[in-house]
């Protein structure tokens, strides 16, 4: 390695002026050193195909239909009250999502039917039950908000009763809106995530 003829400091490859005294370096140069490289930021999804809106909607529809047949139909047959129905449906939905996602390789029956599964935000790692629980909590809160309001409709409503029904419907729609937005978020999100996916740092990928 060449040294500076003025101060004797060691020269760096390709250096033309001494870093210590500023004098021109010797005429002996090594090959220019390569520019330093920095690791690129890891992509959020590593080579995995994300599940799109329609395939996720189909999986969600299958899960919803299954829950309706197994849980809600028997409750209607028993003429269960509104509050009882809401509590049982919400609790069942919560455990349905958390247990299947946490212990069945990130797949509910509906997700398995359409060949998608829920994984960590890196697109590779399976999620733990704690992560699945966090995801289910976020979704469960949205379900509860959209289910807490109930009103009766009239068989032969008068004009005033029609106004009352419209008013109650608007309240119900406003409370259900966060749930709808959560499910529709997949359609425009860059990682095809719902809001409860973002809360739990998960994504849904295609398995085929």
N, C-alpha and C. Protein backbone atom coordinates (compact mmCIF):
# COMPACT_ATOMS: atom_id res chain seq x y z
N UNK A 1 0.85 -1.19 0.00
CA UNK A 1 0.00 0.00 0.00
C UNK A 1 0.88 1.23 0.00
N UNK A 2 0.58 2.17 -0.91
CA UNK A 2 1.38 3.41 -1.00
C UNK A 2 1.09 4.31 0.19
N UNK A 3 2.08 5.18 0.48
CA UNK A 3 1.92 6.15 1.57
C UNK A 3 2.12 7.55 1.02
N UNK A 4 1.60 8.53 1.73
CA UNK A 4 1.71 9.94 1.32
C UNK A 4 3.19 10.36 1.37
N UNK A 5 3.74 10.96 0.30
CA UNK A 5 5.15 11.37 0.31
C UNK A 5 5.42 12.52 1.27
N UNK A 6 4.37 13.22 1.70
CA UNK A 6 4.56 14.38 2.58
C UNK A 6 4.50 14.00 4.05
N UNK A 7 3.41 13.32 4.45
CA UNK A 7 3.24 13.01 5.87
C UNK A 7 3.35 11.53 6.19
N UNK A 8 3.39 10.70 5.17
CA UNK A 8 3.55 9.27 5.40
C UNK A 8 2.28 8.53 5.75
N UNK A 9 1.12 9.22 5.65
CA UNK A 9 -0.14 8.55 5.97
C UNK A 9 -0.46 7.51 4.90
N UNK A 10 -1.11 6.47 5.30
CA UNK A 10 -1.45 5.40 4.36
C UNK A 10 -2.52 5.89 3.39
N UNK A 11 -2.31 5.58 2.13
CA UNK A 11 -3.26 6.02 1.10
C UNK A 11 -4.34 4.96 0.88
N UNK A 12 -5.53 5.45 0.56
CA UNK A 12 -6.64 4.57 0.23
C UNK A 12 -6.64 4.33 -1.26
N UNK A 13 -7.08 3.17 -1.70
CA UNK A 13 -7.09 2.85 -3.12
C UNK A 13 -7.87 3.90 -3.90
N UNK A 14 -7.24 4.42 -4.98
CA UNK A 14 -7.89 5.41 -5.82
C UNK A 14 -7.79 6.83 -5.30
N UNK A 15 -7.13 7.03 -4.16
CA UNK A 15 -7.04 8.36 -3.54
C UNK A 15 -6.03 9.23 -4.30
N UNK A 16 -6.39 10.49 -4.55
CA UNK A 16 -5.50 11.42 -5.24
C UNK A 16 -4.94 12.49 -4.33
N UNK A 17 -5.58 12.73 -3.19
CA UNK A 17 -5.09 13.71 -2.21
C UNK A 17 -5.11 13.08 -0.84
N UNK A 18 -4.10 13.38 -0.07
CA UNK A 18 -3.96 12.81 1.26
C UNK A 18 -5.10 13.28 2.16
N UNK A 19 -5.68 12.36 2.90
CA UNK A 19 -6.77 12.72 3.82
C UNK A 19 -6.25 13.39 5.07
N UNK A 20 -4.95 13.29 5.32
CA UNK A 20 -4.38 13.91 6.53
C UNK A 20 -3.87 15.32 6.28
N UNK A 21 -3.01 15.47 5.20
CA UNK A 21 -2.39 16.78 4.97
C UNK A 21 -2.89 17.47 3.69
N UNK A 22 -3.62 16.76 2.85
CA UNK A 22 -4.17 17.36 1.63
C UNK A 22 -3.21 17.41 0.47
N UNK A 23 -2.00 16.89 0.65
CA UNK A 23 -1.02 16.91 -0.44
C UNK A 23 -1.39 15.88 -1.50
N UNK A 24 -0.95 16.12 -2.76
CA UNK A 24 -1.16 15.11 -3.80
C UNK A 24 -0.49 13.81 -3.39
N UNK A 25 -1.14 12.71 -3.67
CA UNK A 25 -0.58 11.41 -3.31
C UNK A 25 0.46 10.98 -4.32
N UNK A 26 1.09 9.84 -4.07
CA UNK A 26 2.12 9.33 -4.96
C UNK A 26 1.49 8.91 -6.29
N UNK A 27 2.34 8.56 -7.24
CA UNK A 27 1.85 8.15 -8.55
C UNK A 27 1.43 6.68 -8.58
N UNK A 28 1.52 6.00 -7.45
CA UNK A 28 1.17 4.58 -7.41
C UNK A 28 -0.25 4.47 -6.86
N UNK A 29 -1.16 3.98 -7.70
CA UNK A 29 -2.55 3.83 -7.29
C UNK A 29 -2.97 2.37 -7.40
N UNK A 30 -3.72 1.97 -6.48
CA UNK A 30 -4.34 0.65 -6.60
C UNK A 30 -5.59 0.79 -7.45
N UNK A 31 -6.18 -0.32 -7.81
CA UNK A 31 -7.43 -0.25 -8.55
C UNK A 31 -8.49 0.46 -7.71
N UNK A 32 -9.32 1.24 -8.37
CA UNK A 32 -10.34 1.97 -7.60
C UNK A 32 -11.20 1.01 -6.78
N UNK A 33 -11.43 1.39 -5.55
CA UNK A 33 -12.25 0.56 -4.67
C UNK A 33 -13.70 0.63 -5.10
N UNK A 34 -14.43 -0.47 -4.99
CA UNK A 34 -15.86 -0.44 -5.35
C UNK A 34 -16.63 0.44 -4.39
N UNK A 35 -17.70 1.02 -4.90
CA UNK A 35 -18.53 1.86 -4.06
C UNK A 35 -19.18 1.01 -2.97
N UNK A 36 -19.36 1.58 -1.80
CA UNK A 36 -19.99 0.80 -0.72
C UNK A 36 -21.41 0.42 -1.10
N UNK A 37 -21.80 -0.76 -0.71
CA UNK A 37 -23.16 -1.22 -0.97
C UNK A 37 -23.93 -1.30 0.33
N UNK A 38 -25.20 -1.03 0.24
CA UNK A 38 -26.08 -1.07 1.40
C UNK A 38 -27.21 -2.05 1.11
N UNK A 39 -27.58 -2.85 2.07
CA UNK A 39 -28.67 -3.81 1.82
C UNK A 39 -29.96 -3.10 1.49
N UNK A 40 -30.62 -3.57 0.46
CA UNK A 40 -31.89 -2.98 0.09
C UNK A 40 -32.93 -3.29 1.15
N UNK A 41 -33.88 -2.39 1.26
CA UNK A 41 -34.96 -2.60 2.23
C UNK A 41 -35.76 -3.84 1.82
N UNK A 42 -35.98 -4.72 2.76
CA UNK A 42 -36.69 -5.96 2.44
C UNK A 42 -38.13 -5.63 2.04
N UNK A 43 -38.61 -6.20 0.93
CA UNK A 43 -40.00 -5.96 0.53
C UNK A 43 -40.96 -6.55 1.54
N UNK A 44 -42.13 -5.96 1.63
CA UNK A 44 -43.10 -6.44 2.61
C UNK A 44 -43.62 -7.82 2.25
N UNK A 45 -43.68 -8.14 0.94
CA UNK A 45 -44.12 -9.45 0.51
C UNK A 45 -43.00 -10.05 -0.33
N UNK A 46 -42.50 -11.21 0.05
CA UNK A 46 -41.35 -11.80 -0.62
C UNK A 46 -41.83 -12.88 -1.59
N UNK A 47 -42.02 -12.50 -2.84
CA UNK A 47 -42.33 -13.46 -3.88
C UNK A 47 -43.60 -14.28 -3.67
N UNK A 48 -44.57 -13.76 -2.95
CA UNK A 48 -45.81 -14.49 -2.73
C UNK A 48 -46.96 -13.75 -3.39
N UNK A 49 -47.87 -14.50 -3.99
CA UNK A 49 -49.02 -13.91 -4.66
C UNK A 49 -50.08 -13.56 -3.62
N UNK A 50 -50.43 -12.30 -3.55
CA UNK A 50 -51.44 -11.87 -2.59
C UNK A 50 -52.83 -12.26 -3.07
N UNK A 51 -53.70 -12.57 -2.13
CA UNK A 51 -55.08 -12.89 -2.47
C UNK A 51 -55.82 -11.59 -2.74
N UNK A 52 -56.50 -11.52 -3.88
CA UNK A 52 -57.22 -10.32 -4.27
C UNK A 52 -58.59 -10.22 -3.60
N UNK A 53 -59.29 -9.14 -3.95
CA UNK A 53 -60.57 -8.85 -3.30
C UNK A 53 -61.60 -9.95 -3.52
N UNK A 54 -61.80 -10.37 -4.76
CA UNK A 54 -62.88 -11.30 -5.06
C UNK A 54 -62.64 -12.69 -4.48
N UNK A 55 -61.40 -13.16 -4.50
CA UNK A 55 -61.12 -14.47 -3.93
C UNK A 55 -61.29 -14.44 -2.41
N UNK A 56 -60.92 -13.31 -1.80
CA UNK A 56 -61.12 -13.17 -0.36
C UNK A 56 -62.60 -13.04 -0.03
N UNK A 57 -63.33 -12.34 -0.87
CA UNK A 57 -64.77 -12.19 -0.66
C UNK A 57 -65.47 -13.55 -0.72
N UNK A 58 -65.05 -14.39 -1.68
CA UNK A 58 -65.64 -15.71 -1.79
C UNK A 58 -65.36 -16.55 -0.54
N UNK A 59 -64.13 -16.51 -0.05
CA UNK A 59 -63.79 -17.23 1.17
C UNK A 59 -64.59 -16.72 2.36
N UNK A 60 -64.73 -15.39 2.44
CA UNK A 60 -65.51 -14.79 3.52
C UNK A 60 -66.97 -15.21 3.43
N UNK A 61 -67.49 -15.26 2.21
CA UNK A 61 -68.90 -15.66 2.01
C UNK A 61 -69.12 -17.11 2.47
N UNK A 62 -68.18 -17.99 2.14
CA UNK A 62 -68.30 -19.39 2.55
C UNK A 62 -68.28 -19.51 4.07
N UNK A 63 -67.35 -18.79 4.72
CA UNK A 63 -67.29 -18.80 6.18
C UNK A 63 -68.58 -18.25 6.78
N UNK A 64 -69.08 -17.14 6.22
CA UNK A 64 -70.31 -16.54 6.73
C UNK A 64 -71.50 -17.46 6.58
N UNK A 65 -71.57 -18.15 5.45
CA UNK A 65 -72.67 -19.09 5.22
C UNK A 65 -72.60 -20.26 6.20
N UNK A 66 -71.39 -20.74 6.43
CA UNK A 66 -71.20 -21.85 7.38
C UNK A 66 -71.63 -21.44 8.78
N UNK A 67 -71.22 -20.25 9.22
CA UNK A 67 -71.60 -19.77 10.54
C UNK A 67 -73.11 -19.55 10.64
N UNK A 68 -73.70 -19.08 9.55
CA UNK A 68 -75.15 -18.84 9.56
C UNK A 68 -75.92 -20.15 9.74
N UNK A 69 -75.50 -21.19 9.02
CA UNK A 69 -76.19 -22.48 9.09
C UNK A 69 -75.99 -23.13 10.45
N UNK A 70 -74.76 -23.06 10.98
CA UNK A 70 -74.44 -23.76 12.22
C UNK A 70 -74.91 -23.00 13.46
N UNK A 71 -74.87 -21.66 13.40
CA UNK A 71 -75.14 -20.86 14.61
C UNK A 71 -76.46 -20.09 14.52
N UNK A 72 -76.63 -19.28 13.49
CA UNK A 72 -77.77 -18.38 13.47
C UNK A 72 -79.10 -19.08 13.19
N UNK A 73 -79.11 -20.04 12.30
CA UNK A 73 -80.37 -20.75 12.03
C UNK A 73 -80.94 -21.43 13.27
N UNK A 74 -80.11 -22.15 14.05
CA UNK A 74 -80.65 -22.73 15.29
C UNK A 74 -81.15 -21.66 16.27
N UNK A 75 -80.48 -20.52 16.34
CA UNK A 75 -80.93 -19.45 17.23
C UNK A 75 -82.28 -18.90 16.79
N UNK A 76 -82.45 -18.75 15.46
CA UNK A 76 -83.75 -18.28 14.96
C UNK A 76 -84.83 -19.32 15.24
N UNK A 77 -84.47 -20.58 15.10
CA UNK A 77 -85.45 -21.64 15.35
C UNK A 77 -85.89 -21.66 16.82
N UNK A 78 -84.98 -21.28 17.70
CA UNK A 78 -85.29 -21.22 19.13
C UNK A 78 -85.92 -19.89 19.53
N UNK A 79 -86.08 -18.98 18.56
CA UNK A 79 -86.64 -17.65 18.82
C UNK A 79 -85.85 -16.91 19.90
N UNK A 80 -84.54 -16.99 19.79
CA UNK A 80 -83.67 -16.30 20.76
C UNK A 80 -83.81 -14.79 20.60
N UNK A 81 -83.63 -14.09 21.71
CA UNK A 81 -83.72 -12.64 21.68
C UNK A 81 -82.57 -12.01 20.92
N UNK A 82 -82.74 -10.72 20.61
CA UNK A 82 -81.73 -10.02 19.82
C UNK A 82 -80.39 -9.98 20.54
N UNK A 83 -80.39 -9.62 21.83
CA UNK A 83 -79.14 -9.50 22.58
C UNK A 83 -78.43 -10.85 22.67
N UNK A 84 -79.19 -11.91 22.92
CA UNK A 84 -78.61 -13.25 23.01
C UNK A 84 -77.97 -13.66 21.70
N UNK A 85 -78.68 -13.39 20.59
CA UNK A 85 -78.17 -13.73 19.26
C UNK A 85 -76.88 -13.00 18.96
N UNK A 86 -76.84 -11.69 19.26
CA UNK A 86 -75.64 -10.89 18.99
C UNK A 86 -74.45 -11.42 19.77
N UNK A 87 -74.65 -11.71 21.04
CA UNK A 87 -73.55 -12.19 21.88
C UNK A 87 -73.02 -13.53 21.38
N UNK A 88 -73.93 -14.47 21.10
CA UNK A 88 -73.50 -15.80 20.66
C UNK A 88 -72.81 -15.74 19.30
N UNK A 89 -73.38 -14.98 18.37
CA UNK A 89 -72.78 -14.86 17.04
C UNK A 89 -71.41 -14.21 17.11
N UNK A 90 -71.28 -13.15 17.90
CA UNK A 90 -70.00 -12.45 18.02
C UNK A 90 -68.92 -13.35 18.64
N UNK A 91 -69.27 -14.04 19.72
CA UNK A 91 -68.31 -14.92 20.40
C UNK A 91 -67.91 -16.07 19.47
N UNK A 92 -68.90 -16.63 18.76
CA UNK A 92 -68.60 -17.73 17.85
C UNK A 92 -67.69 -17.26 16.71
N UNK A 93 -67.99 -16.10 16.14
CA UNK A 93 -67.16 -15.54 15.07
C UNK A 93 -65.75 -15.29 15.54
N UNK A 94 -65.61 -14.79 16.76
CA UNK A 94 -64.29 -14.51 17.33
C UNK A 94 -63.45 -15.78 17.44
N UNK A 95 -64.02 -16.82 18.05
CA UNK A 95 -63.26 -18.06 18.22
C UNK A 95 -63.09 -18.81 16.90
N UNK A 96 -64.06 -18.69 16.02
CA UNK A 96 -63.94 -19.31 14.70
C UNK A 96 -62.71 -18.76 13.97
N UNK A 97 -62.57 -17.43 13.98
CA UNK A 97 -61.43 -16.81 13.30
C UNK A 97 -60.11 -17.06 14.00
N UNK A 98 -60.08 -16.90 15.32
CA UNK A 98 -58.81 -17.02 16.03
C UNK A 98 -58.29 -18.46 16.08
N UNK A 99 -59.18 -19.42 16.31
CA UNK A 99 -58.73 -20.81 16.43
C UNK A 99 -58.31 -21.38 15.08
N UNK A 100 -59.11 -21.17 14.06
CA UNK A 100 -58.74 -21.70 12.74
C UNK A 100 -57.47 -21.03 12.21
N UNK A 101 -57.42 -19.70 12.31
CA UNK A 101 -56.24 -18.98 11.80
C UNK A 101 -55.00 -19.33 12.61
N UNK A 102 -55.16 -19.44 13.94
CA UNK A 102 -54.01 -19.68 14.80
C UNK A 102 -53.50 -21.10 14.80
N UNK A 103 -54.41 -22.07 14.61
CA UNK A 103 -54.00 -23.48 14.75
C UNK A 103 -54.22 -24.32 13.49
N UNK A 104 -54.64 -23.71 12.41
CA UNK A 104 -54.91 -24.48 11.19
C UNK A 104 -54.13 -23.89 10.02
N UNK A 105 -52.87 -23.54 10.28
CA UNK A 105 -51.99 -22.99 9.24
C UNK A 105 -52.58 -21.74 8.58
N UNK A 106 -53.24 -20.91 9.38
CA UNK A 106 -53.73 -19.64 8.86
C UNK A 106 -54.93 -19.75 7.95
N UNK A 107 -55.72 -20.81 8.08
CA UNK A 107 -56.85 -21.00 7.17
C UNK A 107 -58.14 -21.33 7.92
N UNK A 108 -59.18 -20.58 7.63
CA UNK A 108 -60.53 -20.99 8.01
C UNK A 108 -61.03 -21.96 6.94
N UNK A 109 -62.13 -22.66 7.17
CA UNK A 109 -62.67 -23.54 6.11
C UNK A 109 -62.93 -22.81 4.80
N UNK A 110 -63.44 -21.59 4.88
CA UNK A 110 -63.69 -20.82 3.67
C UNK A 110 -62.40 -20.47 2.94
N UNK A 111 -61.37 -20.12 3.69
CA UNK A 111 -60.08 -19.79 3.09
C UNK A 111 -59.45 -21.02 2.46
N UNK A 112 -59.60 -22.16 3.11
CA UNK A 112 -59.05 -23.40 2.55
C UNK A 112 -59.78 -23.76 1.24
N UNK A 113 -61.07 -23.51 1.21
CA UNK A 113 -61.86 -23.84 0.02
C UNK A 113 -61.41 -23.04 -1.20
N UNK A 114 -60.95 -21.80 -0.98
CA UNK A 114 -60.53 -20.96 -2.11
C UNK A 114 -59.01 -20.88 -2.22
N UNK A 115 -58.29 -21.71 -1.46
CA UNK A 115 -56.83 -21.82 -1.53
C UNK A 115 -56.10 -20.51 -1.19
N UNK A 116 -56.46 -19.93 -0.05
CA UNK A 116 -55.71 -18.78 0.47
C UNK A 116 -55.43 -19.05 1.94
N UNK A 117 -54.44 -18.34 2.47
CA UNK A 117 -54.18 -18.46 3.90
C UNK A 117 -53.57 -17.19 4.44
N UNK A 118 -53.71 -17.02 5.75
CA UNK A 118 -53.22 -15.83 6.43
C UNK A 118 -51.83 -16.09 6.99
N UNK A 119 -50.89 -15.18 6.70
CA UNK A 119 -49.52 -15.31 7.18
C UNK A 119 -49.04 -13.98 7.73
N UNK A 120 -47.82 -13.99 8.24
CA UNK A 120 -47.18 -12.77 8.71
C UNK A 120 -47.02 -11.77 7.57
N UNK A 121 -46.85 -10.51 7.92
CA UNK A 121 -46.73 -9.45 6.93
C UNK A 121 -45.53 -9.64 6.00
N UNK A 122 -44.56 -10.47 6.38
CA UNK A 122 -43.43 -10.72 5.49
C UNK A 122 -43.80 -11.66 4.34
N UNK A 123 -45.01 -12.22 4.39
CA UNK A 123 -45.48 -13.08 3.32
C UNK A 123 -45.02 -14.51 3.42
N UNK A 124 -44.26 -14.87 4.46
CA UNK A 124 -43.68 -16.20 4.58
C UNK A 124 -44.05 -16.87 5.90
N UNK A 125 -43.78 -16.21 7.00
CA UNK A 125 -43.91 -16.82 8.33
C UNK A 125 -45.36 -17.07 8.71
N UNK A 126 -45.60 -18.24 9.32
CA UNK A 126 -46.92 -18.52 9.86
C UNK A 126 -47.15 -17.66 11.09
N UNK A 127 -48.39 -17.26 11.30
CA UNK A 127 -48.67 -16.41 12.44
C UNK A 127 -48.95 -17.26 13.68
N UNK A 128 -48.63 -16.69 14.83
CA UNK A 128 -48.87 -17.37 16.09
C UNK A 128 -50.33 -17.20 16.49
N UNK A 129 -50.75 -17.97 17.49
CA UNK A 129 -52.12 -17.83 17.97
C UNK A 129 -52.34 -16.44 18.56
N UNK A 130 -51.31 -15.88 19.20
CA UNK A 130 -51.44 -14.54 19.76
C UNK A 130 -51.73 -13.52 18.66
N UNK A 131 -51.05 -13.67 17.52
CA UNK A 131 -51.30 -12.76 16.40
C UNK A 131 -52.71 -12.99 15.84
N UNK A 132 -53.12 -14.25 15.73
CA UNK A 132 -54.46 -14.57 15.25
C UNK A 132 -55.52 -14.02 16.20
N UNK A 133 -55.22 -14.07 17.50
CA UNK A 133 -56.14 -13.54 18.51
C UNK A 133 -56.29 -12.03 18.34
N UNK A 134 -55.18 -11.35 18.11
CA UNK A 134 -55.21 -9.91 17.91
C UNK A 134 -56.03 -9.55 16.68
N UNK A 135 -55.86 -10.33 15.63
CA UNK A 135 -56.62 -10.11 14.40
C UNK A 135 -58.11 -10.31 14.63
N UNK A 136 -58.45 -11.38 15.37
CA UNK A 136 -59.85 -11.68 15.65
C UNK A 136 -60.49 -10.63 16.54
N UNK A 137 -59.72 -10.08 17.48
CA UNK A 137 -60.24 -9.02 18.35
C UNK A 137 -60.63 -7.79 17.52
N UNK A 138 -59.74 -7.39 16.60
CA UNK A 138 -60.02 -6.22 15.77
C UNK A 138 -61.28 -6.44 14.93
N UNK A 139 -61.40 -7.64 14.34
CA UNK A 139 -62.58 -7.92 13.53
C UNK A 139 -63.82 -8.02 14.40
N UNK A 140 -63.68 -8.64 15.58
CA UNK A 140 -64.82 -8.78 16.48
C UNK A 140 -65.38 -7.45 16.93
N UNK A 141 -64.51 -6.48 17.18
CA UNK A 141 -64.97 -5.14 17.58
C UNK A 141 -65.83 -4.52 16.48
N UNK A 142 -65.40 -4.67 15.23
CA UNK A 142 -66.17 -4.12 14.11
C UNK A 142 -67.52 -4.83 13.97
N UNK A 143 -67.54 -6.13 14.22
CA UNK A 143 -68.80 -6.88 14.16
C UNK A 143 -69.75 -6.41 15.24
N UNK A 144 -69.23 -6.20 16.44
CA UNK A 144 -70.07 -5.75 17.56
C UNK A 144 -70.65 -4.37 17.26
N UNK A 145 -69.82 -3.45 16.78
CA UNK A 145 -70.30 -2.09 16.48
C UNK A 145 -71.44 -2.14 15.47
N UNK A 146 -71.31 -3.02 14.47
CA UNK A 146 -72.34 -3.10 13.45
C UNK A 146 -73.57 -3.88 13.87
N UNK A 147 -73.54 -4.49 15.07
CA UNK A 147 -74.65 -5.36 15.49
C UNK A 147 -75.40 -4.85 16.72
N UNK A 148 -74.94 -3.78 17.33
CA UNK A 148 -75.52 -3.38 18.61
C UNK A 148 -76.87 -2.67 18.45
N UNK A 149 -77.18 -2.22 17.24
CA UNK A 149 -78.43 -1.48 17.06
C UNK A 149 -79.45 -2.35 16.35
N UNK A 150 -80.67 -2.33 16.86
CA UNK A 150 -81.73 -3.16 16.31
C UNK A 150 -83.04 -2.40 16.38
N UNK A 151 -83.85 -2.53 15.35
CA UNK A 151 -85.17 -1.91 15.38
C UNK A 151 -86.18 -2.80 14.68
N UNK A 152 -87.41 -2.64 15.09
CA UNK A 152 -88.50 -3.43 14.52
C UNK A 152 -89.12 -2.67 13.34
N UNK A 153 -89.49 -3.40 12.32
CA UNK A 153 -90.20 -2.79 11.19
C UNK A 153 -91.70 -2.99 11.38
N UNK A 154 -92.46 -2.11 10.76
CA UNK A 154 -93.92 -2.18 10.86
C UNK A 154 -94.49 -2.99 9.72
N UNK A 155 -95.58 -3.71 10.00
CA UNK A 155 -96.22 -4.52 8.95
C UNK A 155 -96.91 -3.64 7.92
N UNK A 156 -97.70 -2.72 8.38
CA UNK A 156 -98.38 -1.76 7.49
C UNK A 156 -98.08 -0.35 7.99
N UNK A 157 -96.87 0.14 7.71
CA UNK A 157 -96.45 1.43 8.29
C UNK A 157 -97.21 2.63 7.74
N UNK A 158 -97.44 3.58 8.63
CA UNK A 158 -97.98 4.87 8.23
C UNK A 158 -96.83 5.72 7.71
N UNK A 159 -97.15 6.91 7.23
CA UNK A 159 -96.10 7.81 6.72
C UNK A 159 -95.11 8.15 7.82
N UNK A 160 -95.63 8.43 9.01
CA UNK A 160 -94.75 8.76 10.13
C UNK A 160 -93.88 7.57 10.51
N UNK A 161 -94.45 6.39 10.49
CA UNK A 161 -93.68 5.19 10.82
C UNK A 161 -92.61 4.89 9.76
N UNK A 162 -92.91 5.20 8.51
CA UNK A 162 -91.91 5.05 7.45
C UNK A 162 -90.72 5.98 7.69
N UNK A 163 -91.00 7.20 8.14
CA UNK A 163 -89.92 8.14 8.48
C UNK A 163 -89.08 7.60 9.63
N UNK A 164 -89.77 7.02 10.62
CA UNK A 164 -89.05 6.45 11.75
C UNK A 164 -88.16 5.29 11.30
N UNK A 165 -88.68 4.43 10.42
CA UNK A 165 -87.90 3.32 9.91
C UNK A 165 -86.68 3.79 9.14
N UNK A 166 -86.85 4.81 8.32
CA UNK A 166 -85.72 5.36 7.55
C UNK A 166 -84.66 5.92 8.48
N UNK A 167 -85.09 6.59 9.55
CA UNK A 167 -84.16 7.16 10.52
C UNK A 167 -83.37 6.05 11.22
N UNK A 168 -84.07 5.00 11.63
CA UNK A 168 -83.39 3.89 12.29
C UNK A 168 -82.44 3.16 11.34
N UNK A 169 -82.85 3.04 10.08
CA UNK A 169 -82.00 2.38 9.10
C UNK A 169 -80.70 3.15 8.91
N UNK A 170 -80.77 4.48 8.88
CA UNK A 170 -79.56 5.30 8.73
C UNK A 170 -78.62 5.10 9.91
N UNK A 171 -79.18 5.00 11.11
CA UNK A 171 -78.34 4.74 12.29
C UNK A 171 -77.66 3.38 12.17
N UNK A 172 -78.43 2.37 11.76
CA UNK A 172 -77.87 1.03 11.60
C UNK A 172 -76.78 1.02 10.53
N UNK A 173 -77.02 1.73 9.43
CA UNK A 173 -76.03 1.78 8.35
C UNK A 173 -74.74 2.46 8.82
N UNK A 174 -74.87 3.55 9.58
CA UNK A 174 -73.69 4.27 10.08
C UNK A 174 -72.86 3.39 10.99
N UNK A 175 -73.53 2.59 11.83
CA UNK A 175 -72.79 1.70 12.73
C UNK A 175 -72.17 0.52 11.99
N UNK A 176 -72.79 0.11 10.89
CA UNK A 176 -72.25 -1.01 10.10
C UNK A 176 -71.17 -0.58 9.14
N UNK A 177 -71.06 0.72 8.88
CA UNK A 177 -70.12 1.22 7.89
C UNK A 177 -68.67 0.84 8.17
N UNK A 178 -68.17 0.93 9.43
CA UNK A 178 -66.77 0.50 9.68
C UNK A 178 -66.50 -0.94 9.27
N UNK A 179 -67.48 -1.81 9.49
CA UNK A 179 -67.32 -3.22 9.10
C UNK A 179 -67.22 -3.35 7.58
N UNK A 180 -68.08 -2.63 6.86
CA UNK A 180 -68.05 -2.68 5.40
C UNK A 180 -66.74 -2.12 4.86
N UNK A 181 -66.30 -1.01 5.43
CA UNK A 181 -65.04 -0.39 4.98
C UNK A 181 -63.87 -1.33 5.22
N UNK A 182 -63.88 -2.02 6.36
CA UNK A 182 -62.83 -2.98 6.67
C UNK A 182 -62.72 -4.06 5.59
N UNK A 183 -63.86 -4.61 5.19
CA UNK A 183 -63.85 -5.68 4.19
C UNK A 183 -63.51 -5.15 2.80
N UNK A 184 -63.96 -3.93 2.48
CA UNK A 184 -63.70 -3.35 1.16
C UNK A 184 -62.28 -2.82 1.03
N UNK A 185 -61.58 -2.64 2.14
CA UNK A 185 -60.24 -2.05 2.11
C UNK A 185 -59.28 -2.85 1.23
N UNK A 186 -59.54 -4.13 1.11
CA UNK A 186 -58.70 -5.01 0.28
C UNK A 186 -58.65 -4.51 -1.17
N UNK A 187 -59.76 -3.94 -1.64
CA UNK A 187 -59.89 -3.58 -3.06
C UNK A 187 -58.90 -2.51 -3.49
N UNK A 188 -58.46 -1.64 -2.57
CA UNK A 188 -57.55 -0.56 -2.97
C UNK A 188 -56.24 -0.54 -2.19
N UNK A 189 -56.07 -1.46 -1.25
CA UNK A 189 -54.83 -1.47 -0.48
C UNK A 189 -53.70 -2.12 -1.29
N UNK A 190 -52.49 -1.59 -1.20
CA UNK A 190 -51.37 -2.11 -2.00
C UNK A 190 -50.99 -3.53 -1.62
N UNK A 191 -51.24 -3.93 -0.37
CA UNK A 191 -50.95 -5.30 0.08
C UNK A 191 -52.21 -6.13 0.24
N UNK A 192 -53.33 -5.64 -0.31
CA UNK A 192 -54.61 -6.36 -0.24
C UNK A 192 -54.99 -6.72 1.19
N UNK A 193 -54.76 -5.79 2.11
CA UNK A 193 -55.06 -6.04 3.52
C UNK A 193 -56.39 -5.41 3.91
N UNK A 194 -57.09 -6.08 4.81
CA UNK A 194 -58.21 -5.45 5.49
C UNK A 194 -57.65 -4.60 6.62
N UNK A 195 -58.52 -3.85 7.29
CA UNK A 195 -58.04 -3.05 8.43
C UNK A 195 -57.64 -3.96 9.58
N UNK A 196 -58.35 -5.07 9.77
CA UNK A 196 -57.93 -5.97 10.87
C UNK A 196 -56.65 -6.70 10.50
N UNK A 197 -56.34 -6.86 9.21
CA UNK A 197 -55.02 -7.37 8.81
C UNK A 197 -53.93 -6.38 9.20
N UNK A 198 -54.16 -5.12 8.93
CA UNK A 198 -53.17 -4.10 9.25
C UNK A 198 -52.94 -4.02 10.76
N UNK A 199 -54.03 -4.14 11.53
CA UNK A 199 -53.92 -4.08 12.98
C UNK A 199 -53.05 -5.22 13.51
N UNK A 200 -53.17 -6.40 12.90
CA UNK A 200 -52.43 -7.57 13.38
C UNK A 200 -51.15 -7.82 12.58
N UNK A 201 -50.86 -6.97 11.59
CA UNK A 201 -49.67 -7.13 10.73
C UNK A 201 -49.66 -8.49 10.02
N UNK A 202 -50.77 -8.78 9.35
CA UNK A 202 -50.90 -10.02 8.60
C UNK A 202 -51.30 -9.71 7.15
N UNK A 203 -51.09 -10.67 6.27
CA UNK A 203 -51.57 -10.60 4.90
C UNK A 203 -52.19 -11.94 4.53
N UNK A 204 -52.96 -11.96 3.47
CA UNK A 204 -53.57 -13.19 2.98
C UNK A 204 -52.97 -13.49 1.60
N UNK A 205 -52.43 -14.68 1.44
CA UNK A 205 -51.74 -15.04 0.19
C UNK A 205 -52.43 -16.22 -0.47
N UNK A 206 -52.17 -16.37 -1.77
CA UNK A 206 -52.67 -17.54 -2.51
C UNK A 206 -51.77 -18.73 -2.19
N UNK A 207 -52.34 -19.90 -2.08
CA UNK A 207 -51.54 -21.09 -1.81
C UNK A 207 -51.30 -21.90 -3.07
N UNK A 208 -51.88 -21.50 -4.18
CA UNK A 208 -51.63 -22.17 -5.46
C UNK A 208 -51.16 -21.15 -6.47
